[in-house]
Amino acid sequence: MTPIRTALISVYHKDGLDDILSALHAQGVRFLSTGGTQSFIESLGFPCGRVEDVTGYPSILGGRVKTLHPLIFGGILARREEASDRAEMAGYNITPIDLVIVDLYPFEQTVAEGASAEEIIEKIDIGGISLIRAAAKNFKDVAIVPSKAEYPILLDLLNKQGARTIEAQRRELATRAFAVSSHYDTVINAWFKQ
């Protein structure tokens, strides 16, 4: 089993996250986040590292760029069994990220509510979808929770086996992640075609 030591959490909807955070914290997992998610985690009394302290950059461009940085994506995409990856992680001081929890900007809901084109464009998630794809690609080392629909799956795993996962579980989560990513892009594509 692969232990979860560091979790990167970047979610739009915070509901349903409390129990997961409690379970992860009880297992000694370190949290890393940005903005509203970080504030939410800290409001529950859990310590939470700031992505900007890792990257050395604040959230910029009105929040359009927060997590898109080699020190974050290196921590997700690094292959733990590859000596060259481990050496580069050490050389660039990259911390491994073992769990990524994402809940994307609600693009589909924003369209359904009849929002303006400008509001709809701003609900195209860039960092979140990139986190999902990166973690799913590296499922051999990283667990991905791509939407709040998967929160119960993660909570069940945490309750049964603590903050540890096996590759088959991470592969199943990755499969779900690519389904979330595919659906998200399909909905965006449909809107652009209108």
N, C-alpha and C. Protein backbone atom coordinates (compact mmCIF):
# COMPACT_ATOMS: atom_id res chain seq x y z
N MET A 1 0.84 -1.20 0.00
CA MET A 1 0.00 0.00 0.00
C MET A 1 0.87 1.25 0.00
N THR A 2 0.40 2.25 -0.70
CA THR A 2 1.11 3.51 -0.81
C THR A 2 0.52 4.51 0.18
N PRO A 3 1.34 5.06 1.07
CA PRO A 3 0.81 6.01 2.05
C PRO A 3 0.50 7.38 1.43
N ILE A 4 -0.49 8.04 1.99
CA ILE A 4 -0.81 9.42 1.62
C ILE A 4 -0.21 10.30 2.69
N ARG A 5 0.77 11.11 2.29
CA ARG A 5 1.42 12.01 3.24
C ARG A 5 1.03 13.46 3.01
N THR A 6 0.88 13.83 1.72
CA THR A 6 0.51 15.20 1.37
C THR A 6 -0.67 15.17 0.41
N ALA A 7 -1.69 15.99 0.72
CA ALA A 7 -2.88 16.08 -0.13
C ALA A 7 -3.03 17.52 -0.61
N LEU A 8 -3.19 17.67 -1.91
CA LEU A 8 -3.49 18.97 -2.51
C LEU A 8 -4.99 19.04 -2.73
N ILE A 9 -5.62 20.05 -2.19
CA ILE A 9 -7.09 20.15 -2.23
C ILE A 9 -7.47 21.47 -2.89
N SER A 10 -8.23 21.38 -3.98
CA SER A 10 -8.65 22.57 -4.71
C SER A 10 -10.09 22.34 -5.18
N VAL A 11 -11.04 22.84 -4.41
CA VAL A 11 -12.45 22.52 -4.70
C VAL A 11 -13.30 23.78 -4.79
N TYR A 12 -14.29 23.74 -5.70
CA TYR A 12 -15.24 24.86 -5.81
C TYR A 12 -16.30 24.73 -4.73
N HIS A 13 -16.94 23.55 -4.67
CA HIS A 13 -17.95 23.30 -3.64
C HIS A 13 -17.27 22.65 -2.44
N LYS A 14 -17.46 23.22 -1.27
CA LYS A 14 -16.78 22.72 -0.06
C LYS A 14 -17.62 21.69 0.70
N ASP A 15 -18.94 21.60 0.39
CA ASP A 15 -19.81 20.70 1.14
C ASP A 15 -19.37 19.26 0.94
N GLY A 16 -19.41 18.51 2.03
CA GLY A 16 -19.05 17.10 1.99
C GLY A 16 -17.57 16.83 2.24
N LEU A 17 -16.80 17.90 2.39
CA LEU A 17 -15.35 17.74 2.56
C LEU A 17 -14.94 17.53 4.03
N ASP A 18 -15.80 17.94 4.95
CA ASP A 18 -15.44 17.92 6.38
C ASP A 18 -14.96 16.56 6.88
N ASP A 19 -15.73 15.52 6.58
CA ASP A 19 -15.38 14.18 7.09
C ASP A 19 -14.07 13.68 6.49
N ILE A 20 -13.85 13.99 5.23
CA ILE A 20 -12.61 13.57 4.57
C ILE A 20 -11.42 14.27 5.21
N LEU A 21 -11.56 15.57 5.42
CA LEU A 21 -10.47 16.33 6.06
C LEU A 21 -10.18 15.80 7.45
N SER A 22 -11.23 15.50 8.20
CA SER A 22 -11.05 14.95 9.56
C SER A 22 -10.30 13.63 9.52
N ALA A 23 -10.70 12.75 8.60
CA ALA A 23 -10.08 11.43 8.49
C ALA A 23 -8.62 11.56 8.06
N LEU A 24 -8.36 12.41 7.09
CA LEU A 24 -6.98 12.60 6.62
C LEU A 24 -6.12 13.21 7.72
N HIS A 25 -6.63 14.23 8.40
CA HIS A 25 -5.89 14.88 9.46
C HIS A 25 -5.55 13.90 10.58
N ALA A 26 -6.52 13.05 10.92
CA ALA A 26 -6.30 12.05 11.98
C ALA A 26 -5.18 11.08 11.61
N GLN A 27 -4.94 10.91 10.31
CA GLN A 27 -3.89 10.01 9.83
C GLN A 27 -2.56 10.76 9.61
N GLY A 28 -2.53 12.04 9.95
CA GLY A 28 -1.29 12.81 9.84
C GLY A 28 -0.99 13.35 8.45
N VAL A 29 -2.00 13.40 7.58
CA VAL A 29 -1.79 13.90 6.22
C VAL A 29 -1.67 15.42 6.25
N ARG A 30 -0.69 15.94 5.52
CA ARG A 30 -0.46 17.38 5.40
C ARG A 30 -1.33 17.92 4.27
N PHE A 31 -1.97 19.07 4.51
CA PHE A 31 -2.83 19.70 3.51
C PHE A 31 -2.11 20.86 2.82
N LEU A 32 -2.40 21.00 1.54
CA LEU A 32 -1.88 22.07 0.72
C LEU A 32 -3.03 22.61 -0.11
N SER A 33 -3.22 23.94 -0.15
CA SER A 33 -4.36 24.48 -0.87
C SER A 33 -4.17 25.95 -1.21
N THR A 34 -5.24 26.53 -1.81
CA THR A 34 -5.22 27.94 -2.20
C THR A 34 -6.54 28.60 -1.79
N GLY A 35 -6.50 29.90 -1.67
CA GLY A 35 -7.68 30.74 -1.56
C GLY A 35 -8.78 30.25 -0.65
N GLY A 36 -9.99 30.15 -1.23
CA GLY A 36 -11.18 29.79 -0.47
C GLY A 36 -11.11 28.41 0.14
N THR A 37 -10.50 27.47 -0.56
CA THR A 37 -10.38 26.10 -0.02
C THR A 37 -9.46 26.10 1.19
N GLN A 38 -8.36 26.83 1.10
CA GLN A 38 -7.44 26.91 2.23
C GLN A 38 -8.13 27.54 3.44
N SER A 39 -8.87 28.62 3.21
CA SER A 39 -9.60 29.28 4.30
C SER A 39 -10.61 28.33 4.93
N PHE A 40 -11.30 27.55 4.09
CA PHE A 40 -12.29 26.59 4.58
C PHE A 40 -11.62 25.53 5.46
N ILE A 41 -10.50 24.99 4.99
CA ILE A 41 -9.78 23.96 5.75
C ILE A 41 -9.35 24.51 7.10
N GLU A 42 -8.80 25.72 7.10
CA GLU A 42 -8.36 26.34 8.35
C GLU A 42 -9.52 26.69 9.26
N SER A 43 -10.68 27.01 8.69
CA SER A 43 -11.86 27.33 9.51
C SER A 43 -12.35 26.11 10.30
N LEU A 44 -11.99 24.91 9.81
CA LEU A 44 -12.34 23.68 10.52
C LEU A 44 -11.30 23.33 11.59
N GLY A 45 -10.25 24.14 11.67
CA GLY A 45 -9.23 23.93 12.69
C GLY A 45 -8.05 23.09 12.24
N PHE A 46 -7.95 22.82 10.94
CA PHE A 46 -6.84 22.02 10.43
C PHE A 46 -5.76 22.91 9.84
N PRO A 47 -4.49 22.62 10.11
CA PRO A 47 -3.43 23.39 9.47
C PRO A 47 -3.40 23.11 7.97
N CYS A 48 -3.06 24.12 7.19
CA CYS A 48 -3.06 23.97 5.74
C CYS A 48 -1.96 24.83 5.13
N GLY A 49 -1.03 24.18 4.43
CA GLY A 49 0.01 24.91 3.73
C GLY A 49 -0.56 25.64 2.53
N ARG A 50 0.07 26.76 2.19
CA ARG A 50 -0.39 27.56 1.05
C ARG A 50 0.42 27.21 -0.19
N VAL A 51 -0.27 26.99 -1.29
CA VAL A 51 0.41 26.71 -2.56
C VAL A 51 1.40 27.82 -2.88
N GLU A 52 1.02 29.07 -2.61
CA GLU A 52 1.90 30.20 -2.94
C GLU A 52 3.20 30.17 -2.13
N ASP A 53 3.18 29.56 -0.95
CA ASP A 53 4.41 29.42 -0.19
C ASP A 53 5.33 28.37 -0.82
N VAL A 54 4.74 27.40 -1.48
CA VAL A 54 5.52 26.37 -2.19
C VAL A 54 6.09 26.95 -3.48
N THR A 55 5.26 27.67 -4.24
CA THR A 55 5.67 28.15 -5.56
C THR A 55 6.44 29.47 -5.53
N GLY A 56 6.20 30.27 -4.49
CA GLY A 56 6.80 31.60 -4.44
C GLY A 56 6.02 32.62 -5.24
N TYR A 57 4.85 32.23 -5.75
CA TYR A 57 4.00 33.14 -6.52
C TYR A 57 2.62 33.22 -5.89
N PRO A 58 2.03 34.41 -5.85
CA PRO A 58 0.65 34.51 -5.37
C PRO A 58 -0.32 34.07 -6.47
N SER A 59 -1.58 33.94 -6.12
CA SER A 59 -2.63 33.75 -7.12
C SER A 59 -2.65 35.00 -7.99
N ILE A 60 -2.58 34.84 -9.32
CA ILE A 60 -2.49 36.00 -10.20
C ILE A 60 -3.58 35.99 -11.27
N LEU A 61 -3.69 37.08 -11.96
CA LEU A 61 -4.64 37.26 -13.07
C LEU A 61 -6.07 37.00 -12.62
N GLY A 62 -6.42 37.59 -11.50
CA GLY A 62 -7.78 37.44 -11.00
C GLY A 62 -8.13 36.02 -10.61
N GLY A 63 -7.12 35.24 -10.18
CA GLY A 63 -7.35 33.87 -9.76
C GLY A 63 -7.24 32.86 -10.89
N ARG A 64 -6.93 33.33 -12.10
CA ARG A 64 -6.81 32.39 -13.23
C ARG A 64 -5.59 31.47 -13.09
N VAL A 65 -4.57 31.93 -12.39
CA VAL A 65 -3.35 31.12 -12.22
C VAL A 65 -3.04 31.01 -10.73
N LYS A 66 -3.18 29.78 -10.22
CA LYS A 66 -2.90 29.52 -8.81
C LYS A 66 -1.96 28.32 -8.64
N THR A 67 -2.35 27.20 -9.22
CA THR A 67 -1.61 25.95 -9.00
C THR A 67 -0.70 25.57 -10.16
N LEU A 68 -0.79 26.29 -11.27
CA LEU A 68 -0.01 25.94 -12.46
C LEU A 68 1.45 26.32 -12.28
N HIS A 69 2.24 25.37 -11.76
CA HIS A 69 3.64 25.65 -11.44
C HIS A 69 4.40 24.32 -11.37
N PRO A 70 5.67 24.30 -11.83
CA PRO A 70 6.44 23.04 -11.80
C PRO A 70 6.60 22.43 -10.41
N LEU A 71 6.64 23.26 -9.35
CA LEU A 71 6.80 22.70 -8.01
C LEU A 71 5.54 21.98 -7.55
N ILE A 72 4.38 22.32 -8.13
CA ILE A 72 3.14 21.60 -7.83
C ILE A 72 3.00 20.40 -8.76
N PHE A 73 3.11 20.64 -10.06
CA PHE A 73 2.92 19.55 -11.02
C PHE A 73 4.07 18.54 -10.98
N GLY A 74 5.25 19.00 -10.61
CA GLY A 74 6.36 18.05 -10.40
C GLY A 74 6.06 17.11 -9.25
N GLY A 75 5.44 17.63 -8.20
CA GLY A 75 5.07 16.81 -7.04
C GLY A 75 4.01 15.78 -7.37
N ILE A 76 3.18 16.09 -8.36
CA ILE A 76 2.12 15.16 -8.77
C ILE A 76 2.63 14.16 -9.81
N LEU A 77 3.38 14.65 -10.80
CA LEU A 77 3.75 13.82 -11.94
C LEU A 77 5.03 13.00 -11.76
N ALA A 78 5.80 13.29 -10.73
CA ALA A 78 7.06 12.55 -10.52
C ALA A 78 6.79 11.07 -10.31
N ARG A 79 7.53 10.25 -11.05
CA ARG A 79 7.44 8.79 -10.92
C ARG A 79 8.37 8.36 -9.79
N ARG A 80 7.77 7.88 -8.73
CA ARG A 80 8.54 7.58 -7.52
C ARG A 80 9.58 6.49 -7.73
N GLU A 81 9.34 5.58 -8.69
CA GLU A 81 10.28 4.48 -8.90
C GLU A 81 11.44 4.86 -9.81
N GLU A 82 11.36 6.03 -10.46
CA GLU A 82 12.40 6.48 -11.39
C GLU A 82 13.48 7.27 -10.63
N ALA A 83 14.69 6.75 -10.64
CA ALA A 83 15.80 7.40 -9.93
C ALA A 83 16.02 8.82 -10.45
N SER A 84 15.89 9.02 -11.76
CA SER A 84 16.13 10.36 -12.32
C SER A 84 15.06 11.35 -11.85
N ASP A 85 13.81 10.87 -11.74
CA ASP A 85 12.74 11.73 -11.22
C ASP A 85 13.00 12.09 -9.76
N ARG A 86 13.41 11.11 -8.98
CA ARG A 86 13.71 11.36 -7.56
C ARG A 86 14.86 12.35 -7.42
N ALA A 87 15.86 12.22 -8.27
CA ALA A 87 17.01 13.13 -8.23
C ALA A 87 16.58 14.56 -8.57
N GLU A 88 15.73 14.70 -9.59
CA GLU A 88 15.25 16.03 -9.96
C GLU A 88 14.37 16.62 -8.86
N MET A 89 13.55 15.78 -8.23
CA MET A 89 12.72 16.26 -7.12
C MET A 89 13.62 16.80 -6.00
N ALA A 90 14.68 16.07 -5.70
CA ALA A 90 15.61 16.52 -4.65
C ALA A 90 16.32 17.81 -5.09
N GLY A 91 16.75 17.85 -6.34
CA GLY A 91 17.48 19.00 -6.86
C GLY A 91 16.66 20.28 -6.89
N TYR A 92 15.36 20.14 -7.16
CA TYR A 92 14.48 21.31 -7.24
C TYR A 92 13.61 21.48 -5.99
N ASN A 93 13.88 20.65 -4.97
CA ASN A 93 13.14 20.73 -3.71
C ASN A 93 11.62 20.57 -3.92
N ILE A 94 11.27 19.53 -4.67
CA ILE A 94 9.86 19.25 -4.99
C ILE A 94 9.32 18.23 -3.99
N THR A 95 8.23 18.59 -3.32
CA THR A 95 7.58 17.69 -2.37
C THR A 95 6.59 16.79 -3.10
N PRO A 96 6.66 15.48 -2.87
CA PRO A 96 5.68 14.60 -3.50
C PRO A 96 4.26 14.89 -3.01
N ILE A 97 3.31 14.88 -3.92
CA ILE A 97 1.89 15.03 -3.59
C ILE A 97 1.24 13.69 -3.89
N ASP A 98 0.62 13.09 -2.87
CA ASP A 98 0.12 11.72 -2.96
C ASP A 98 -1.38 11.62 -3.23
N LEU A 99 -2.10 12.71 -2.95
CA LEU A 99 -3.56 12.73 -3.13
C LEU A 99 -3.94 14.11 -3.66
N VAL A 100 -4.78 14.13 -4.69
CA VAL A 100 -5.30 15.38 -5.22
C VAL A 100 -6.83 15.30 -5.17
N ILE A 101 -7.44 16.30 -4.55
CA ILE A 101 -8.91 16.37 -4.45
C ILE A 101 -9.35 17.64 -5.17
N VAL A 102 -10.20 17.48 -6.19
CA VAL A 102 -10.64 18.60 -7.01
C VAL A 102 -12.16 18.57 -7.14
N ASP A 103 -12.77 19.74 -7.15
CA ASP A 103 -14.16 19.90 -7.58
C ASP A 103 -14.16 21.12 -8.49
N LEU A 104 -14.41 20.89 -9.78
CA LEU A 104 -14.23 21.91 -10.81
C LEU A 104 -15.22 23.06 -10.72
N TYR A 105 -14.84 24.20 -11.32
CA TYR A 105 -15.78 25.30 -11.47
C TYR A 105 -17.04 24.77 -12.17
N PRO A 106 -18.20 25.21 -11.75
CA PRO A 106 -19.46 24.65 -12.28
C PRO A 106 -19.84 25.25 -13.64
N PHE A 107 -19.11 24.87 -14.67
CA PHE A 107 -19.36 25.41 -16.01
C PHE A 107 -20.79 25.10 -16.49
N GLU A 108 -21.17 23.83 -16.40
CA GLU A 108 -22.48 23.40 -16.91
C GLU A 108 -23.62 24.12 -16.19
N GLN A 109 -23.50 24.24 -14.88
CA GLN A 109 -24.51 24.92 -14.08
C GLN A 109 -24.59 26.41 -14.44
N THR A 110 -23.43 27.01 -14.67
CA THR A 110 -23.38 28.44 -15.03
C THR A 110 -24.08 28.69 -16.36
N VAL A 111 -23.86 27.80 -17.32
CA VAL A 111 -24.54 27.91 -18.62
C VAL A 111 -26.05 27.75 -18.42
N ALA A 112 -26.45 26.75 -17.64
CA ALA A 112 -27.88 26.47 -17.42
C ALA A 112 -28.59 27.63 -16.74
N GLU A 113 -27.85 28.39 -15.94
CA GLU A 113 -28.45 29.53 -15.24
C GLU A 113 -28.57 30.77 -16.12
N GLY A 114 -28.13 30.67 -17.38
CA GLY A 114 -28.26 31.79 -18.31
C GLY A 114 -27.28 32.92 -18.07
N ALA A 115 -26.11 32.60 -17.56
CA ALA A 115 -25.10 33.62 -17.28
C ALA A 115 -24.59 34.25 -18.58
N SER A 116 -23.92 35.38 -18.44
CA SER A 116 -23.35 36.06 -19.60
C SER A 116 -22.17 35.25 -20.14
N ALA A 117 -21.80 35.54 -21.39
CA ALA A 117 -20.67 34.84 -22.00
C ALA A 117 -19.39 35.04 -21.18
N GLU A 118 -19.21 36.26 -20.64
CA GLU A 118 -18.01 36.54 -19.85
C GLU A 118 -17.98 35.70 -18.57
N GLU A 119 -19.13 35.57 -17.91
CA GLU A 119 -19.21 34.74 -16.69
C GLU A 119 -18.98 33.27 -17.02
N ILE A 120 -19.53 32.84 -18.13
CA ILE A 120 -19.35 31.43 -18.54
C ILE A 120 -17.88 31.14 -18.83
N ILE A 121 -17.22 32.03 -19.55
CA ILE A 121 -15.80 31.84 -19.87
C ILE A 121 -14.98 31.71 -18.58
N GLU A 122 -15.29 32.52 -17.58
CA GLU A 122 -14.54 32.47 -16.32
C GLU A 122 -14.79 31.18 -15.54
N LYS A 123 -15.81 30.44 -15.90
CA LYS A 123 -16.09 29.16 -15.24
C LYS A 123 -15.48 27.98 -15.99
N ILE A 124 -14.61 28.27 -16.96
CA ILE A 124 -13.82 27.20 -17.58
C ILE A 124 -12.62 26.97 -16.70
N ASP A 125 -12.61 25.85 -16.01
CA ASP A 125 -11.54 25.54 -15.06
C ASP A 125 -10.28 25.12 -15.81
N ILE A 126 -9.17 25.72 -15.47
CA ILE A 126 -7.89 25.40 -16.11
C ILE A 126 -7.00 24.63 -15.13
N GLY A 127 -6.74 25.22 -13.97
CA GLY A 127 -5.88 24.56 -12.98
C GLY A 127 -6.46 23.25 -12.50
N GLY A 128 -7.76 23.26 -12.20
CA GLY A 128 -8.40 22.05 -11.67
C GLY A 128 -8.36 20.89 -12.65
N ILE A 129 -8.68 21.17 -13.91
CA ILE A 129 -8.69 20.10 -14.91
C ILE A 129 -7.27 19.59 -15.15
N SER A 130 -6.29 20.50 -15.06
CA SER A 130 -4.88 20.10 -15.21
C SER A 130 -4.44 19.22 -14.05
N LEU A 131 -4.87 19.56 -12.83
CA LEU A 131 -4.56 18.73 -11.66
C LEU A 131 -5.16 17.34 -11.80
N ILE A 132 -6.41 17.28 -12.27
CA ILE A 132 -7.08 15.99 -12.47
C ILE A 132 -6.30 15.13 -13.45
N ARG A 133 -5.97 15.70 -14.59
CA ARG A 133 -5.28 14.93 -15.63
C ARG A 133 -3.89 14.48 -15.17
N ALA A 134 -3.17 15.37 -14.49
CA ALA A 134 -1.82 15.03 -14.03
C ALA A 134 -1.87 13.88 -13.02
N ALA A 135 -2.77 14.01 -12.03
CA ALA A 135 -2.85 12.97 -10.99
C ALA A 135 -3.34 11.64 -11.59
N ALA A 136 -4.29 11.71 -12.51
CA ALA A 136 -4.80 10.48 -13.13
C ALA A 136 -3.71 9.82 -13.99
N LYS A 137 -2.95 10.63 -14.69
CA LYS A 137 -1.85 10.08 -15.50
C LYS A 137 -0.86 9.33 -14.61
N ASN A 138 -0.60 9.86 -13.43
CA ASN A 138 0.38 9.24 -12.53
C ASN A 138 -0.30 8.42 -11.43
N PHE A 139 -1.35 7.68 -11.81
CA PHE A 139 -2.11 6.89 -10.84
C PHE A 139 -1.26 5.85 -10.14
N LYS A 140 -0.12 5.47 -10.71
CA LYS A 140 0.73 4.48 -10.04
C LYS A 140 1.22 5.00 -8.70
N ASP A 141 1.27 6.32 -8.57
CA ASP A 141 1.78 6.92 -7.33
C ASP A 141 0.80 7.85 -6.63
N VAL A 142 -0.21 8.34 -7.36
CA VAL A 142 -1.07 9.40 -6.84
C VAL A 142 -2.54 9.00 -6.93
N ALA A 143 -3.28 9.29 -5.88
CA ALA A 143 -4.74 9.08 -5.88
C ALA A 143 -5.42 10.38 -6.28
N ILE A 144 -6.43 10.30 -7.16
CA ILE A 144 -7.15 11.48 -7.60
C ILE A 144 -8.63 11.35 -7.26
N VAL A 145 -9.16 12.37 -6.63
CA VAL A 145 -10.60 12.48 -6.38
C VAL A 145 -11.07 13.64 -7.24
N PRO A 146 -11.70 13.35 -8.42
CA PRO A 146 -11.94 14.38 -9.42
C PRO A 146 -13.22 15.20 -9.26
N SER A 147 -14.06 14.83 -8.31
CA SER A 147 -15.29 15.60 -8.07
C SER A 147 -15.88 15.16 -6.73
N LYS A 148 -16.84 15.94 -6.24
CA LYS A 148 -17.43 15.57 -4.94
C LYS A 148 -18.22 14.27 -5.02
N ALA A 149 -18.54 13.82 -6.23
CA ALA A 149 -19.22 12.53 -6.38
C ALA A 149 -18.34 11.38 -5.89
N GLU A 150 -17.03 11.58 -5.88
CA GLU A 150 -16.10 10.54 -5.42
C GLU A 150 -15.73 10.68 -3.94
N TYR A 151 -16.21 11.69 -3.26
CA TYR A 151 -15.89 11.85 -1.84
C TYR A 151 -16.24 10.59 -1.04
N PRO A 152 -17.44 10.00 -1.25
CA PRO A 152 -17.77 8.80 -0.47
C PRO A 152 -16.81 7.63 -0.71
N ILE A 153 -16.29 7.53 -1.92
CA ILE A 153 -15.33 6.45 -2.23
C ILE A 153 -14.07 6.65 -1.41
N LEU A 154 -13.55 7.88 -1.40
CA LEU A 154 -12.34 8.17 -0.63
C LEU A 154 -12.59 7.97 0.86
N LEU A 155 -13.72 8.46 1.35
CA LEU A 155 -14.01 8.33 2.78
C LEU A 155 -14.09 6.86 3.18
N ASP A 156 -14.70 6.04 2.34
CA ASP A 156 -14.79 4.60 2.60
C ASP A 156 -13.39 3.98 2.67
N LEU A 157 -12.52 4.35 1.74
CA LEU A 157 -11.14 3.84 1.76
C LEU A 157 -10.42 4.27 3.03
N LEU A 158 -10.57 5.54 3.40
CA LEU A 158 -9.90 6.05 4.61
C LEU A 158 -10.39 5.33 5.86
N ASN A 159 -11.69 5.08 5.92
CA ASN A 159 -12.26 4.39 7.09
C ASN A 159 -11.82 2.93 7.17
N LYS A 160 -11.63 2.30 6.03
CA LYS A 160 -11.27 0.87 6.00
C LYS A 160 -9.78 0.62 6.13
N GLN A 161 -8.96 1.49 5.52
CA GLN A 161 -7.53 1.18 5.46
C GLN A 161 -6.62 2.34 5.84
N GLY A 162 -7.20 3.42 6.37
CA GLY A 162 -6.38 4.57 6.72
C GLY A 162 -5.93 5.32 5.48
N ALA A 163 -4.94 6.17 5.64
CA ALA A 163 -4.46 7.01 4.54
C ALA A 163 -3.45 6.24 3.70
N ARG A 164 -3.95 5.17 3.07
CA ARG A 164 -3.14 4.32 2.21
C ARG A 164 -4.02 3.82 1.08
N THR A 165 -3.42 3.67 -0.10
CA THR A 165 -4.17 3.14 -1.24
C THR A 165 -3.34 2.11 -1.97
N ILE A 166 -4.03 1.24 -2.70
CA ILE A 166 -3.33 0.29 -3.57
C ILE A 166 -3.54 0.74 -5.01
N GLU A 167 -2.70 0.23 -5.90
CA GLU A 167 -2.72 0.69 -7.29
C GLU A 167 -4.07 0.47 -7.97
N ALA A 168 -4.72 -0.64 -7.69
CA ALA A 168 -6.02 -0.90 -8.32
C ALA A 168 -7.05 0.17 -7.93
N GLN A 169 -6.99 0.63 -6.70
CA GLN A 169 -7.90 1.69 -6.25
C GLN A 169 -7.57 3.01 -6.95
N ARG A 170 -6.28 3.30 -7.06
CA ARG A 170 -5.87 4.54 -7.73
C ARG A 170 -6.21 4.49 -9.22
N ARG A 171 -6.11 3.33 -9.82
CA ARG A 171 -6.48 3.20 -11.24
C ARG A 171 -7.98 3.43 -11.43
N GLU A 172 -8.79 2.89 -10.53
CA GLU A 172 -10.24 3.10 -10.61
C GLU A 172 -10.58 4.58 -10.48
N LEU A 173 -9.93 5.26 -9.54
CA LEU A 173 -10.15 6.70 -9.38
C LEU A 173 -9.68 7.46 -10.62
N ALA A 174 -8.57 7.03 -11.22
CA ALA A 174 -8.08 7.66 -12.45
C ALA A 174 -9.08 7.48 -13.58
N THR A 175 -9.67 6.31 -13.67
CA THR A 175 -10.69 6.06 -14.69
C THR A 175 -11.85 7.02 -14.53
N ARG A 176 -12.29 7.20 -13.30
CA ARG A 176 -13.36 8.17 -13.01
C ARG A 176 -12.91 9.59 -13.35
N ALA A 177 -11.64 9.87 -13.08
CA ALA A 177 -11.12 11.21 -13.33
C ALA A 177 -11.16 11.56 -14.82
N PHE A 178 -10.76 10.62 -15.66
CA PHE A 178 -10.79 10.89 -17.09
C PHE A 178 -12.23 11.00 -17.61
N ALA A 179 -13.17 10.32 -16.96
CA ALA A 179 -14.59 10.49 -17.32
C ALA A 179 -15.06 11.90 -16.97
N VAL A 180 -14.66 12.39 -15.80
CA VAL A 180 -15.01 13.76 -15.38
C VAL A 180 -14.41 14.77 -16.36
N SER A 181 -13.13 14.59 -16.69
CA SER A 181 -12.43 15.49 -17.61
C SER A 181 -13.09 15.48 -18.99
N SER A 182 -13.40 14.29 -19.47
CA SER A 182 -14.02 14.16 -20.79
C SER A 182 -15.39 14.84 -20.84
N HIS A 183 -16.21 14.62 -19.83
CA HIS A 183 -17.54 15.23 -19.78
C HIS A 183 -17.42 16.75 -19.73
N TYR A 184 -16.51 17.23 -18.91
CA TYR A 184 -16.32 18.68 -18.75
C TYR A 184 -15.97 19.32 -20.10
N ASP A 185 -15.01 18.73 -20.81
CA ASP A 185 -14.60 19.27 -22.10
C ASP A 185 -15.71 19.15 -23.15
N THR A 186 -16.49 18.08 -23.08
CA THR A 186 -17.60 17.89 -24.02
C THR A 186 -18.64 18.99 -23.85
N VAL A 187 -18.95 19.33 -22.60
CA VAL A 187 -19.93 20.39 -22.31
C VAL A 187 -19.40 21.74 -22.78
N ILE A 188 -18.12 22.01 -22.55
CA ILE A 188 -17.52 23.27 -23.00
C ILE A 188 -17.55 23.33 -24.53
N ASN A 189 -17.19 22.24 -25.16
CA ASN A 189 -17.19 22.18 -26.62
C ASN A 189 -18.59 22.45 -27.18
N ALA A 190 -19.60 21.87 -26.56
CA ALA A 190 -21.00 22.08 -27.00
C ALA A 190 -21.39 23.54 -26.89
N TRP A 191 -20.96 24.19 -25.81
CA TRP A 191 -21.30 25.61 -25.64
C TRP A 191 -20.62 26.47 -26.72
N PHE A 192 -19.36 26.17 -27.00
CA PHE A 192 -18.65 26.93 -28.03
C PHE A 192 -19.28 26.73 -29.42
N LYS A 193 -19.83 25.56 -29.66
CA LYS A 193 -20.44 25.27 -30.97
C LYS A 193 -21.76 26.03 -31.17
N GLN A 194 -22.39 26.47 -30.10
CA GLN A 194 -23.70 27.15 -30.23
C GLN A 194 -23.55 28.45 -31.03
